[in-house]
C-alpha cells in the first residue's frame, strides 16, 4: 500500500491506496474553509498551523496500515510553500521511521489521476482541461511522464476569478459554489460582458479583464447579484470553450476530461459535455468528492510513480510553489 499526504493549500488530507488494484482503502480530508471564510480567502500562515494540527490527527487513524506500506507519497509542488512544508516534513518522518521510499508528487498530475481513483486502468491519451483555484490549463496527456501544455492562464485562473467575483459581491468564501448557486436564479444575458482574448489567435486564458467588467457592473447595479453571477459564469465558461475549439481545429481527441476543484461546476460540466458530443469525444470527470484537493488523487498518481520507481532521497525532495509540469 501507499500512504499519501496532501497539504498544498487549505485541505489536510491523507489516504491509503492499494498498489495492486488502485483500491482506495482509507481517505480523510479536513477542510479549513470555515477558518478562512472570514478573511475572504486562504491565509497561508493560518493554513500551515491548521495542517500541523489536522495531519497528525488523521495519521493516528492510519496506524493499522503501517505494516503494509511500501512507500509514502506527498505533494511537493505546486502550492503554498508554508503548507507544502507541513506535508513534506511528515512524509520524510514516515519514510525514515518506517524505512520506506519517498515519492514526491506534482499536485496537478494528482488532479489528472483523480479520474482513475479505484480504477487500475487509465484512458490515455486524452485531452484535459484543468480548472482550479490556482490553475487553468489545457493539456494533452499521453502518460505519467508525457504531458503537453497547449494553453495556460496569463493572470487569474478560472476558479480564482469565481472567488474574486464572490468577494466583490460580498458572497463569502469559497466563491465557486456560491456564485454558481446565485447564477441559477439570474439572467445570463443581462450583462453583455466581453469574452476575453476573443480576437486573438493566441492559445491562452485570461480572467483579469472579465473580473474588471464585473466590478464595474457591481458599482452600477449593486442589487443585481444573481444576474451578474449568471452573466459572469456564462462568459467565463465561453472563454474556455472558445480556446478549446481552437485547439480542436488542430488536434483531435478520443477522450477528454475536466479536472480540478472548479470542474465541480455543473454549468461548466454541461457545456463541456455538449462540446464533447459535437466533436465525438468521450467525456471523463472525477467523482464530485475528488474534484477538490485530496490525498486520494495523490495516492492514485503515486501508484504510477511507484511502478516507474520515481523515488526521492530525503535531501533531494524540494518544495516548488510555482512549478507547473
C-alpha atoms as a PDB file:
ATOM      1  CA  UNK A   1       0.000   0.000   0.000  1.00  0.00           C
ATOM      2  CA  UNK A   2       0.961   3.663  -0.388  1.00  0.00           C
ATOM      3  CA  UNK A   3       0.211   6.337   2.191  1.00  0.00           C
ATOM      4  CA  UNK A   4      -0.321   9.709   0.524  1.00  0.00           C
ATOM      5  CA  UNK A   5      -0.398  13.212   2.005  1.00  0.00           C
ATOM      6  CA  UNK A   6      -1.923  16.391   0.565  1.00  0.00           C
ATOM      7  CA  UNK A   7      -1.355  19.850   2.083  1.00  0.00           C
ATOM      8  CA  UNK A   8      -0.806  22.152  -0.894  1.00  0.00           C
ATOM      9  CA  UNK A   9      -3.377  24.736   0.219  1.00  0.00           C
ATOM     10  CA  UNK A  10      -6.161  24.618   2.822  1.00  0.00           C
ATOM     11  CA  UNK A  11      -7.200  20.945   2.809  1.00  0.00           C
ATOM     12  CA  UNK A  12      -5.453  18.482   5.149  1.00  0.00           C
ATOM     13  CA  UNK A  13      -5.781  15.001   3.690  1.00  0.00           C
ATOM     14  CA  UNK A  14      -4.274  11.514   3.989  1.00  0.00           C
ATOM     15  CA  UNK A  15      -5.139   8.371   2.010  1.00  0.00           C
ATOM     16  CA  UNK A  16      -4.142   4.723   1.823  1.00  0.00           C
ATOM     17  CA  UNK A  17      -4.183   3.150  -1.660  1.00  0.00           C
ATOM     18  CA  UNK A  18      -3.506  -0.475  -2.561  1.00  0.00           C
ATOM     19  CA  UNK A  19      -0.871  -0.752  -5.279  1.00  0.00           C
ATOM     20  CA  UNK A  20      -2.096  -3.926  -6.992  1.00  0.00           C
ATOM     21  CA  UNK A  21      -5.571  -2.694  -7.978  1.00  0.00           C
ATOM     22  CA  UNK A  22      -5.599   1.038  -7.091  1.00  0.00           C
ATOM     23  CA  UNK A  23      -8.249   0.388  -4.450  1.00  0.00           C
ATOM     24  CA  UNK A  24      -8.764   3.318  -2.080  1.00  0.00           C
ATOM     25  CA  UNK A  25      -8.724   1.757   1.397  1.00  0.00           C
ATOM     26  CA  UNK A  26      -8.745   4.880   3.553  1.00  0.00           C
ATOM     27  CA  UNK A  27      -9.323   8.552   2.856  1.00  0.00           C
ATOM     28  CA  UNK A  28      -9.955  11.508   5.119  1.00  0.00           C
ATOM     29  CA  UNK A  29      -9.899  15.216   4.472  1.00  0.00           C
ATOM     30  CA  UNK A  30     -10.288  18.084   6.921  1.00  0.00           C
ATOM     31  CA  UNK A  31     -11.300  21.356   5.284  1.00  0.00           C
ATOM     32  CA  UNK A  32     -10.291  24.771   6.599  1.00  0.00           C
ATOM     33  CA  UNK A  33     -12.971  26.723   4.724  1.00  0.00           C
ATOM     34  CA  UNK A  34     -14.708  27.990   7.864  1.00  0.00           C
ATOM     35  CA  UNK A  35     -11.419  29.222   9.338  1.00  0.00           C
ATOM     36  CA  UNK A  36     -10.524  31.205   6.210  1.00  0.00           C
ATOM     37  CA  UNK A  37     -14.018  32.394   5.205  1.00  0.00           C
ATOM     38  CA  UNK A  38     -13.923  35.482   7.437  1.00  0.00           C
ATOM     39  CA  UNK A  39     -10.811  36.660   5.588  1.00  0.00           C
ATOM     40  CA  UNK A  40     -12.327  36.149   2.138  1.00  0.00           C
ATOM     41  CA  UNK A  41      -9.547  33.786   1.079  1.00  0.00           C
ATOM     42  CA  UNK A  42      -6.799  31.481   2.284  1.00  0.00           C
ATOM     43  CA  UNK A  43      -4.322  32.914   4.814  1.00  0.00           C
ATOM     44  CA  UNK A  44      -1.142  30.820   4.257  1.00  0.00           C
ATOM     45  CA  UNK A  45       0.286  31.046   7.788  1.00  0.00           C
ATOM     46  CA  UNK A  46      -3.065  30.104   9.339  1.00  0.00           C
ATOM     47  CA  UNK A  47      -3.401  27.212   6.899  1.00  0.00           C
ATOM     48  CA  UNK A  48       0.044  25.900   7.875  1.00  0.00           C
ATOM     49  CA  UNK A  49      -0.804  25.997  11.593  1.00  0.00           C
ATOM     50  CA  UNK A  50      -4.056  24.138  10.986  1.00  0.00           C
ATOM     51  CA  UNK A  51      -2.229  21.477   8.918  1.00  0.00           C
ATOM     52  CA  UNK A  52       0.170  20.958  11.828  1.00  0.00           C
ATOM     53  CA  UNK A  53      -2.849  20.035  13.979  1.00  0.00           C
ATOM     54  CA  UNK A  54      -5.009  18.142  11.477  1.00  0.00           C
ATOM     55  CA  UNK A  55      -2.453  15.935   9.694  1.00  0.00           C
ATOM     56  CA  UNK A  56      -1.166  14.149  12.834  1.00  0.00           C
ATOM     57  CA  UNK A  57      -4.762  13.571  13.949  1.00  0.00           C
ATOM     58  CA  UNK A  58      -5.627  11.907  10.636  1.00  0.00           C
ATOM     59  CA  UNK A  59      -2.400   9.905  10.683  1.00  0.00           C
ATOM     60  CA  UNK A  60      -3.432   8.357  14.013  1.00  0.00           C
ATOM     61  CA  UNK A  61      -6.323   6.685  12.178  1.00  0.00           C
ATOM     62  CA  UNK A  62      -3.914   5.072   9.665  1.00  0.00           C
ATOM     63  CA  UNK A  63      -1.636   3.179  12.037  1.00  0.00           C
ATOM     64  CA  UNK A  64      -3.217  -0.198  11.288  1.00  0.00           C
ATOM     65  CA  UNK A  65      -1.912   0.085   7.715  1.00  0.00           C
ATOM     66  CA  UNK A  66       1.699   0.937   8.595  1.00  0.00           C
ATOM     67  CA  UNK A  67       2.980  -2.658   8.419  1.00  0.00           C
ATOM     68  CA  UNK A  68       1.735  -2.990   4.812  1.00  0.00           C
ATOM     69  CA  UNK A  69       3.125   0.273   3.446  1.00  0.00           C
ATOM     70  CA  UNK A  70       5.574   0.117   0.551  1.00  0.00           C
ATOM     71  CA  UNK A  71       6.008   3.881   0.122  1.00  0.00           C
ATOM     72  CA  UNK A  72       4.857   7.298   1.330  1.00  0.00           C
ATOM     73  CA  UNK A  73       3.818   9.885  -1.261  1.00  0.00           C
ATOM     74  CA  UNK A  74       3.408  13.610  -0.729  1.00  0.00           C
ATOM     75  CA  UNK A  75       2.505  16.705  -2.718  1.00  0.00           C
ATOM     76  CA  UNK A  76       5.637  18.834  -3.045  1.00  0.00           C
ATOM     77  CA  UNK A  77       4.581  21.116  -5.926  1.00  0.00           C
ATOM     78  CA  UNK A  78       2.901  23.467  -6.730  1.00  0.00           C
ATOM     79  CA  UNK A  79       1.102  25.155  -3.824  1.00  0.00           C
ATOM     80  CA  UNK A  80       1.693  27.417  -0.843  1.00  0.00           C
ATOM     81  CA  UNK A  81       5.247  26.941   0.394  1.00  0.00           C
ATOM     82  CA  UNK A  82       4.360  27.092   4.096  1.00  0.00           C
ATOM     83  CA  UNK A  83       1.630  24.471   3.743  1.00  0.00           C
ATOM     84  CA  UNK A  84       3.608  22.160   1.455  1.00  0.00           C
ATOM     85  CA  UNK A  85       6.297  22.062   4.149  1.00  0.00           C
ATOM     86  CA  UNK A  86       3.870  20.507   6.644  1.00  0.00           C
ATOM     87  CA  UNK A  87       3.103  17.534   4.396  1.00  0.00           C
ATOM     88  CA  UNK A  88       6.684  17.045   3.232  1.00  0.00           C
ATOM     89  CA  UNK A  89       8.035  17.048   6.796  1.00  0.00           C
ATOM     90  CA  UNK A  90       5.505  14.394   7.808  1.00  0.00           C
ATOM     91  CA  UNK A  91       6.350  12.290   4.728  1.00  0.00           C
ATOM     92  CA  UNK A  92      10.081  12.464   5.481  1.00  0.00           C
ATOM     93  CA  UNK A  93       9.475  11.387   9.079  1.00  0.00           C
ATOM     94  CA  UNK A  94       7.389   8.421   7.945  1.00  0.00           C
ATOM     95  CA  UNK A  95       9.949   7.456   5.321  1.00  0.00           C
ATOM     96  CA  UNK A  96      12.690   7.353   7.976  1.00  0.00           C
ATOM     97  CA  UNK A  97      10.708   5.680  10.757  1.00  0.00           C
ATOM     98  CA  UNK A  98       9.090   3.009   8.557  1.00  0.00           C
ATOM     99  CA  UNK A  99      12.137   2.610   6.275  1.00  0.00           C
ATOM    100  CA  UNK A 100      10.073   3.011   3.083  1.00  0.00           C
ATOM    101  CA  UNK A 101      10.730   5.044  -0.112  1.00  0.00           C
ATOM    102  CA  UNK A 102       9.556   8.631  -0.518  1.00  0.00           C
ATOM    103  CA  UNK A 103       7.600   9.670  -3.634  1.00  0.00           C
ATOM    104  CA  UNK A 104       7.191  13.399  -4.458  1.00  0.00           C
ATOM    105  CA  UNK A 105       4.024  14.126  -6.433  1.00  0.00           C
ATOM    106  CA  UNK A 106       3.081  17.088  -8.612  1.00  0.00           C
ATOM    107  CA  UNK A 107      -0.297  18.310  -7.387  1.00  0.00           C
ATOM    108  CA  UNK A 108      -1.518  18.998 -10.932  1.00  0.00           C
ATOM    109  CA  UNK A 109      -0.730  15.430 -12.002  1.00  0.00           C
ATOM    110  CA  UNK A 110      -2.728  14.364  -8.978  1.00  0.00           C
ATOM    111  CA  UNK A 111      -5.786  16.150 -10.353  1.00  0.00           C
ATOM    112  CA  UNK A 112      -5.411  14.236 -13.620  1.00  0.00           C
ATOM    113  CA  UNK A 113      -5.295  10.936 -11.754  1.00  0.00           C
ATOM    114  CA  UNK A 114      -8.405  11.856  -9.763  1.00  0.00           C
ATOM    115  CA  UNK A 115     -10.173  10.433 -12.829  1.00  0.00           C
ATOM    116  CA  UNK A 116      -8.878   6.934 -12.009  1.00  0.00           C
ATOM    117  CA  UNK A 117      -9.336   6.579  -8.243  1.00  0.00           C
ATOM    118  CA  UNK A 118     -10.347   2.963  -7.518  1.00  0.00           C
ATOM    119  CA  UNK A 119      -9.503   2.108 -11.136  1.00  0.00           C
ATOM    120  CA  UNK A 120      -6.182   0.443 -12.080  1.00  0.00           C
ATOM    121  CA  UNK A 121      -6.620   1.399 -15.744  1.00  0.00           C
ATOM    122  CA  UNK A 122      -6.232   4.830 -17.327  1.00  0.00           C
ATOM    123  CA  UNK A 123      -7.717   6.288 -20.525  1.00  0.00           C
ATOM    124  CA  UNK A 124      -4.650   7.932 -22.001  1.00  0.00           C
ATOM    125  CA  UNK A 125      -4.044   9.568 -24.376  1.00  0.00           C
ATOM    126  CA  UNK A 126      -6.593  12.272 -23.623  1.00  0.00           C
ATOM    127  CA  UNK A 127      -7.182  15.989 -23.691  1.00  0.00           C
ATOM    128  CA  UNK A 128      -7.548  17.529 -20.242  1.00  0.00           C
ATOM    129  CA  UNK A 129      -8.929  20.873 -19.102  1.00  0.00           C
ATOM    130  CA  UNK A 130      -7.560  21.564 -15.622  1.00  0.00           C
ATOM    131  CA  UNK A 131      -9.516  24.282 -13.815  1.00  0.00           C
ATOM    132  CA  UNK A 132      -8.787  25.091 -10.181  1.00  0.00           C
ATOM    133  CA  UNK A 133      -8.255  27.956  -7.779  1.00  0.00           C
ATOM    134  CA  UNK A 134      -4.658  28.338  -8.906  1.00  0.00           C
ATOM    135  CA  UNK A 135      -4.505  26.977 -12.446  1.00  0.00           C
ATOM    136  CA  UNK A 136      -6.282  26.949 -15.781  1.00  0.00           C
ATOM    137  CA  UNK A 137      -4.567  24.726 -18.332  1.00  0.00           C
ATOM    138  CA  UNK A 138      -5.430  22.829 -21.480  1.00  0.00           C
ATOM    139  CA  UNK A 139      -3.329  19.681 -21.729  1.00  0.00           C
ATOM    140  CA  UNK A 140      -2.580  16.686 -23.917  1.00  0.00           C
ATOM    141  CA  UNK A 141      -1.775  13.803 -21.576  1.00  0.00           C
ATOM    142  CA  UNK A 142      -0.189  10.736 -23.117  1.00  0.00           C
ATOM    143  CA  UNK A 143       1.243   9.161 -19.964  1.00  0.00           C
ATOM    144  CA  UNK A 144       2.507   9.954 -16.474  1.00  0.00           C
ATOM    145  CA  UNK A 145       5.734  11.311 -17.935  1.00  0.00           C
ATOM    146  CA  UNK A 146       4.473  12.865 -21.168  1.00  0.00           C
ATOM    147  CA  UNK A 147       2.199  15.891 -20.762  1.00  0.00           C
ATOM    148  CA  UNK A 148       1.978  18.712 -23.296  1.00  0.00           C
ATOM    149  CA  UNK A 149       0.599  22.115 -22.286  1.00  0.00           C
ATOM    150  CA  UNK A 150      -1.471  23.706 -25.063  1.00  0.00           C
ATOM    151  CA  UNK A 151      -2.628  26.751 -23.112  1.00  0.00           C
ATOM    152  CA  UNK A 152      -2.371  28.263 -19.641  1.00  0.00           C
ATOM    153  CA  UNK A 153      -3.629  31.395 -17.912  1.00  0.00           C
ATOM    154  CA  UNK A 154      -1.866  34.732 -18.245  1.00  0.00           C
ATOM    155  CA  UNK A 155      -3.191  36.006 -14.916  1.00  0.00           C
ATOM    156  CA  UNK A 156      -6.134  34.800 -12.815  1.00  0.00           C
ATOM    157  CA  UNK A 157      -7.330  31.212 -13.025  1.00  0.00           C
ATOM    158  CA  UNK A 158     -10.908  30.143 -13.731  1.00  0.00           C
ATOM    159  CA  UNK A 159     -11.505  29.164 -10.101  1.00  0.00           C
ATOM    160  CA  UNK A 160      -9.722  32.218  -8.725  1.00  0.00           C
ATOM    161  CA  UNK A 161     -11.944  34.524 -10.774  1.00  0.00           C
ATOM    162  CA  UNK A 162     -15.043  32.977  -9.158  1.00  0.00           C
ATOM    163  CA  UNK A 163     -13.560  33.587  -5.701  1.00  0.00           C
ATOM    164  CA  UNK A 164     -12.785  37.220  -6.532  1.00  0.00           C
ATOM    165  CA  UNK A 165     -16.239  37.875  -8.007  1.00  0.00           C
ATOM    166  CA  UNK A 166     -17.817  36.378  -4.896  1.00  0.00           C
ATOM    167  CA  UNK A 167     -15.659  38.609  -2.705  1.00  0.00           C
ATOM    168  CA  UNK A 168     -16.635  41.735  -4.672  1.00  0.00           C
ATOM    169  CA  UNK A 169     -20.291  40.795  -4.252  1.00  0.00           C
ATOM    170  CA  UNK A 170     -19.870  40.027  -0.551  1.00  0.00           C
ATOM    171  CA  UNK A 171     -20.969  36.413  -1.036  1.00  0.00           C
ATOM    172  CA  UNK A 172     -18.268  34.769   1.079  1.00  0.00           C
ATOM    173  CA  UNK A 173     -15.584  32.131   0.546  1.00  0.00           C
ATOM    174  CA  UNK A 174     -15.137  29.769  -1.265  1.00  0.00           C
ATOM    175  CA  UNK A 175     -16.649  31.649  -4.176  1.00  0.00           C
ATOM    176  CA  UNK A 176     -17.187  28.919  -6.756  1.00  0.00           C
ATOM    177  CA  UNK A 177     -20.219  27.167  -5.229  1.00  0.00           C
ATOM    178  CA  UNK A 178     -21.944  30.374  -4.097  1.00  0.00           C
ATOM    179  CA  UNK A 179     -21.546  32.130  -7.474  1.00  0.00           C
ATOM    180  CA  UNK A 180     -22.854  29.023  -9.238  1.00  0.00           C
ATOM    181  CA  UNK A 181     -25.846  28.907  -6.890  1.00  0.00           C
ATOM    182  CA  UNK A 182     -26.679  32.597  -7.409  1.00  0.00           C
ATOM    183  CA  UNK A 183     -26.326  32.166 -11.166  1.00  0.00           C
ATOM    184  CA  UNK A 184     -29.165  29.616 -11.167  1.00  0.00           C
ATOM    185  CA  UNK A 185     -31.584  32.446 -10.322  1.00  0.00           C
ATOM    186  CA  UNK A 186     -30.066  35.035 -12.645  1.00  0.00           C
ATOM    187  CA  UNK A 187     -30.305  36.169 -16.264  1.00  0.00           C
ATOM    188  CA  UNK A 188     -27.041  35.335 -18.043  1.00  0.00           C
ATOM    189  CA  UNK A 189     -27.928  37.672 -20.925  1.00  0.00           C
ATOM    190  CA  UNK A 190     -28.481  40.809 -18.844  1.00  0.00           C
ATOM    191  CA  UNK A 191     -24.856  41.941 -18.796  1.00  0.00           C
ATOM    192  CA  UNK A 192     -23.008  41.928 -22.093  1.00  0.00           C
ATOM    193  CA  UNK A 193     -19.553  41.063 -20.782  1.00  0.00           C
ATOM    194  CA  UNK A 194     -16.818  40.579 -23.388  1.00  0.00           C
ATOM    195  CA  UNK A 195     -15.253  37.148 -23.885  1.00  0.00           C
ATOM    196  CA  UNK A 196     -11.535  37.515 -23.003  1.00  0.00           C
ATOM    197  CA  UNK A 197      -8.969  37.209 -25.831  1.00  0.00           C
ATOM    198  CA  UNK A 198     -11.764  36.683 -28.351  1.00  0.00           C
ATOM    199  CA  UNK A 199      -9.975  38.420 -31.234  1.00  0.00           C
ATOM    200  CA  UNK A 200      -6.532  36.962 -30.691  1.00  0.00           C
ATOM    201  CA  UNK A 201      -5.395  33.597 -32.059  1.00  0.00           C
ATOM    202  CA  UNK A 202      -3.157  33.143 -29.017  1.00  0.00           C
ATOM    203  CA  UNK A 203      -3.847  29.959 -27.077  1.00  0.00           C
ATOM    204  CA  UNK A 204      -4.073  31.329 -23.554  1.00  0.00           C
ATOM    205  CA  UNK A 205      -6.590  32.189 -20.861  1.00  0.00           C
ATOM    206  CA  UNK A 206      -7.114  35.485 -19.034  1.00  0.00           C
ATOM    207  CA  UNK A 207      -9.699  36.493 -16.435  1.00  0.00           C
ATOM    208  CA  UNK A 208      -8.397  39.811 -15.085  1.00  0.00           C
ATOM    209  CA  UNK A 209     -10.268  41.841 -17.725  1.00  0.00           C
ATOM    210  CA  UNK A 210     -13.542  40.000 -17.167  1.00  0.00           C
ATOM    211  CA  UNK A 211     -13.143  40.489 -13.438  1.00  0.00           C
ATOM    212  CA  UNK A 212     -12.850  44.258 -14.019  1.00  0.00           C
ATOM    213  CA  UNK A 213     -16.006  44.242 -16.156  1.00  0.00           C
ATOM    214  CA  UNK A 214     -17.820  42.568 -13.272  1.00  0.00           C
ATOM    215  CA  UNK A 215     -16.505  45.179 -10.826  1.00  0.00           C
ATOM    216  CA  UNK A 216     -17.949  47.996 -12.939  1.00  0.00           C
ATOM    217  CA  UNK A 217     -21.271  46.169 -13.244  1.00  0.00           C
ATOM    218  CA  UNK A 218     -21.447  45.801  -9.457  1.00  0.00           C
ATOM    219  CA  UNK A 219     -20.793  49.525  -8.983  1.00  0.00           C
ATOM    220  CA  UNK A 220     -23.627  50.422 -11.352  1.00  0.00           C
ATOM    221  CA  UNK A 221     -26.050  47.635 -10.382  1.00  0.00           C
ATOM    222  CA  UNK A 222     -25.302  46.556  -6.789  1.00  0.00           C
ATOM    223  CA  UNK A 223     -28.720  44.906  -6.435  1.00  0.00           C
ATOM    224  CA  UNK A 224     -28.296  42.610  -9.467  1.00  0.00           C
ATOM    225  CA  UNK A 225     -26.163  39.920  -7.793  1.00  0.00           C
ATOM    226  CA  UNK A 226     -27.863  36.928  -9.390  1.00  0.00           C
ATOM    227  CA  UNK A 227     -27.780  38.410 -12.903  1.00  0.00           C
ATOM    228  CA  UNK A 228     -24.135  39.427 -12.506  1.00  0.00           C
ATOM    229  CA  UNK A 229     -23.193  35.917 -11.346  1.00  0.00           C
ATOM    230  CA  UNK A 230     -25.089  34.309 -14.223  1.00  0.00           C
ATOM    231  CA  UNK A 231     -23.592  36.633 -16.840  1.00  0.00           C
ATOM    232  CA  UNK A 232     -20.092  36.206 -15.426  1.00  0.00           C
ATOM    233  CA  UNK A 233     -20.329  32.402 -15.277  1.00  0.00           C
ATOM    234  CA  UNK A 234     -21.628  32.318 -18.857  1.00  0.00           C
ATOM    235  CA  UNK A 235     -18.750  34.398 -20.264  1.00  0.00           C
ATOM    236  CA  UNK A 236     -16.079  32.748 -18.094  1.00  0.00           C
ATOM    237  CA  UNK A 237     -17.166  29.376 -19.492  1.00  0.00           C
ATOM    238  CA  UNK A 238     -17.453  30.660 -23.066  1.00  0.00           C
ATOM    239  CA  UNK A 239     -13.833  31.795 -22.817  1.00  0.00           C
ATOM    240  CA  UNK A 240     -12.737  28.231 -22.038  1.00  0.00           C
ATOM    241  CA  UNK A 241     -14.859  26.802 -24.839  1.00  0.00           C
ATOM    242  CA  UNK A 242     -13.574  29.350 -27.361  1.00  0.00           C
ATOM    243  CA  UNK A 243      -9.929  28.394 -26.789  1.00  0.00           C
ATOM    244  CA  UNK A 244     -10.750  24.696 -26.607  1.00  0.00           C
ATOM    245  CA  UNK A 245     -12.428  24.872 -30.022  1.00  0.00           C
ATOM    246  CA  UNK A 246      -9.265  26.456 -31.439  1.00  0.00           C
ATOM    247  CA  UNK A 247      -7.221  23.518 -30.179  1.00  0.00           C
ATOM    248  CA  UNK A 248      -9.738  21.046 -31.580  1.00  0.00           C
ATOM    249  CA  UNK A 249      -9.179  22.543 -35.027  1.00  0.00           C
ATOM    250  CA  UNK A 250      -5.593  21.275 -34.952  1.00  0.00           C
ATOM    251  CA  UNK A 251      -5.797  18.338 -32.551  1.00  0.00           C
ATOM    252  CA  UNK A 252      -8.431  15.632 -32.167  1.00  0.00           C
ATOM    253  CA  UNK A 253      -9.105  13.627 -29.004  1.00  0.00           C
ATOM    254  CA  UNK A 254     -10.952  10.394 -28.487  1.00  0.00           C
ATOM    255  CA  UNK A 255     -11.070  11.045 -24.745  1.00  0.00           C
ATOM    256  CA  UNK A 256     -11.440  14.383 -22.985  1.00  0.00           C
ATOM    257  CA  UNK A 257     -11.600  15.267 -19.290  1.00  0.00           C
ATOM    258  CA  UNK A 258     -12.139  18.198 -16.959  1.00  0.00           C
ATOM    259  CA  UNK A 259     -10.369  18.053 -13.594  1.00  0.00           C
ATOM    260  CA  UNK A 260      -9.593  20.333 -10.655  1.00  0.00           C
ATOM    261  CA  UNK A 261     -11.719  21.948  -7.988  1.00  0.00           C
ATOM    262  CA  UNK A 262     -13.641  24.125 -10.441  1.00  0.00           C
ATOM    263  CA  UNK A 263     -14.566  21.078 -12.538  1.00  0.00           C
ATOM    264  CA  UNK A 264     -17.329  20.506  -9.963  1.00  0.00           C
ATOM    265  CA  UNK A 265     -19.203  23.435 -11.545  1.00  0.00           C
ATOM    266  CA  UNK A 266     -22.256  21.808 -13.133  1.00  0.00           C
ATOM    267  CA  UNK A 267     -22.754  24.619 -15.659  1.00  0.00           C
ATOM    268  CA  UNK A 268     -19.210  24.090 -16.952  1.00  0.00           C
ATOM    269  CA  UNK A 269     -19.654  20.311 -16.998  1.00  0.00           C
ATOM    270  CA  UNK A 270     -22.817  20.659 -19.070  1.00  0.00           C
ATOM    271  CA  UNK A 271     -21.198  22.971 -21.627  1.00  0.00           C
ATOM    272  CA  UNK A 272     -18.125  20.751 -21.959  1.00  0.00           C
ATOM    273  CA  UNK A 273     -20.370  17.699 -22.330  1.00  0.00           C
ATOM    274  CA  UNK A 274     -22.220  19.380 -25.222  1.00  0.00           C
ATOM    275  CA  UNK A 275     -18.897  20.204 -26.883  1.00  0.00           C
ATOM    276  CA  UNK A 276     -17.658  16.633 -26.463  1.00  0.00           C
ATOM    277  CA  UNK A 277     -20.827  15.334 -28.087  1.00  0.00           C
ATOM    278  CA  UNK A 278     -20.326  17.687 -31.030  1.00  0.00           C
ATOM    279  CA  UNK A 279     -16.730  16.534 -31.542  1.00  0.00           C
ATOM    280  CA  UNK A 280     -17.402  12.828 -30.794  1.00  0.00           C
ATOM    281  CA  UNK A 281     -15.219  12.767 -27.687  1.00  0.00           C
ATOM    282  CA  UNK A 282     -15.832  10.644 -24.596  1.00  0.00           C
ATOM    283  CA  UNK A 283     -16.043  12.900 -21.540  1.00  0.00           C
ATOM    284  CA  UNK A 284     -14.320  11.845 -18.317  1.00  0.00           C
ATOM    285  CA  UNK A 285     -14.946  13.579 -14.977  1.00  0.00           C
ATOM    286  CA  UNK A 286     -13.885  12.773 -11.443  1.00  0.00           C
ATOM    287  CA  UNK A 287     -16.376  11.957  -8.728  1.00  0.00           C
ATOM    288  CA  UNK A 288     -17.538  15.205  -7.107  1.00  0.00           C
ATOM    289  CA  UNK A 289     -15.844  14.365  -3.794  1.00  0.00           C
ATOM    290  CA  UNK A 290     -12.481  14.078  -5.551  1.00  0.00           C
ATOM    291  CA  UNK A 291     -12.619  17.274  -7.665  1.00  0.00           C
ATOM    292  CA  UNK A 292     -11.124  19.496  -4.967  1.00  0.00           C
ATOM    293  CA  UNK A 293      -7.729  18.858  -3.362  1.00  0.00           C
ATOM    294  CA  UNK A 294      -7.449  15.438  -1.731  1.00  0.00           C
ATOM    295  CA  UNK A 295      -4.909  12.751  -0.872  1.00  0.00           C
ATOM    296  CA  UNK A 296      -6.788  10.022  -2.771  1.00  0.00           C
ATOM    297  CA  UNK A 297      -5.749  11.541  -6.106  1.00  0.00           C
ATOM    298  CA  UNK A 298      -2.168  11.881  -4.845  1.00  0.00           C
ATOM    299  CA  UNK A 299      -2.202   8.198  -3.901  1.00  0.00           C
ATOM    300  CA  UNK A 300      -3.568   7.130  -7.280  1.00  0.00           C
ATOM    301  CA  UNK A 301      -0.914   9.187  -9.050  1.00  0.00           C
ATOM    302  CA  UNK A 302       1.720   7.718  -6.737  1.00  0.00           C
ATOM    303  CA  UNK A 303       0.984   4.190  -7.976  1.00  0.00           C
ATOM    304  CA  UNK A 304       2.221   5.226 -11.425  1.00  0.00           C
ATOM    305  CA  UNK A 305       5.298   6.846  -9.887  1.00  0.00           C
ATOM    306  CA  UNK A 306       5.938   3.763  -7.724  1.00  0.00           C
ATOM    307  CA  UNK A 307       5.844   1.455 -10.733  1.00  0.00           C
ATOM    308  CA  UNK A 308       8.253   3.793 -12.532  1.00  0.00           C
ATOM    309  CA  UNK A 309      10.476   3.907  -9.418  1.00  0.00           C
ATOM    310  CA  UNK A 310      10.215   7.697  -9.132  1.00  0.00           C
ATOM    311  CA  UNK A 311      11.633   7.775  -5.616  1.00  0.00           C
ATOM    312  CA  UNK A 312      13.482  10.674  -3.985  1.00  0.00           C
ATOM    313  CA  UNK A 313      16.145  10.806  -1.312  1.00  0.00           C
ATOM    314  CA  UNK A 314      15.292  12.857   1.760  1.00  0.00           C
ATOM    315  CA  UNK A 315      17.739  15.587   0.792  1.00  0.00           C
ATOM    316  CA  UNK A 316      16.569  15.609  -2.843  1.00  0.00           C
ATOM    317  CA  UNK A 317      12.885  16.395  -2.395  1.00  0.00           C
ATOM    318  CA  UNK A 318      12.251  20.093  -2.962  1.00  0.00           C
ATOM    319  CA  UNK A 319       9.228  22.311  -2.438  1.00  0.00           C
ATOM    320  CA  UNK A 320       8.341  24.177  -5.632  1.00  0.00           C
ATOM    321  CA  UNK A 321       5.406  26.572  -5.036  1.00  0.00           C
ATOM    322  CA  UNK A 322       5.088  27.735  -8.660  1.00  0.00           C
ATOM    323  CA  UNK A 323       6.027  24.662 -10.692  1.00  0.00           C
ATOM    324  CA  UNK A 324       3.574  23.514 -13.371  1.00  0.00           C
ATOM    325  CA  UNK A 325       4.599  20.480 -15.486  1.00  0.00           C
END
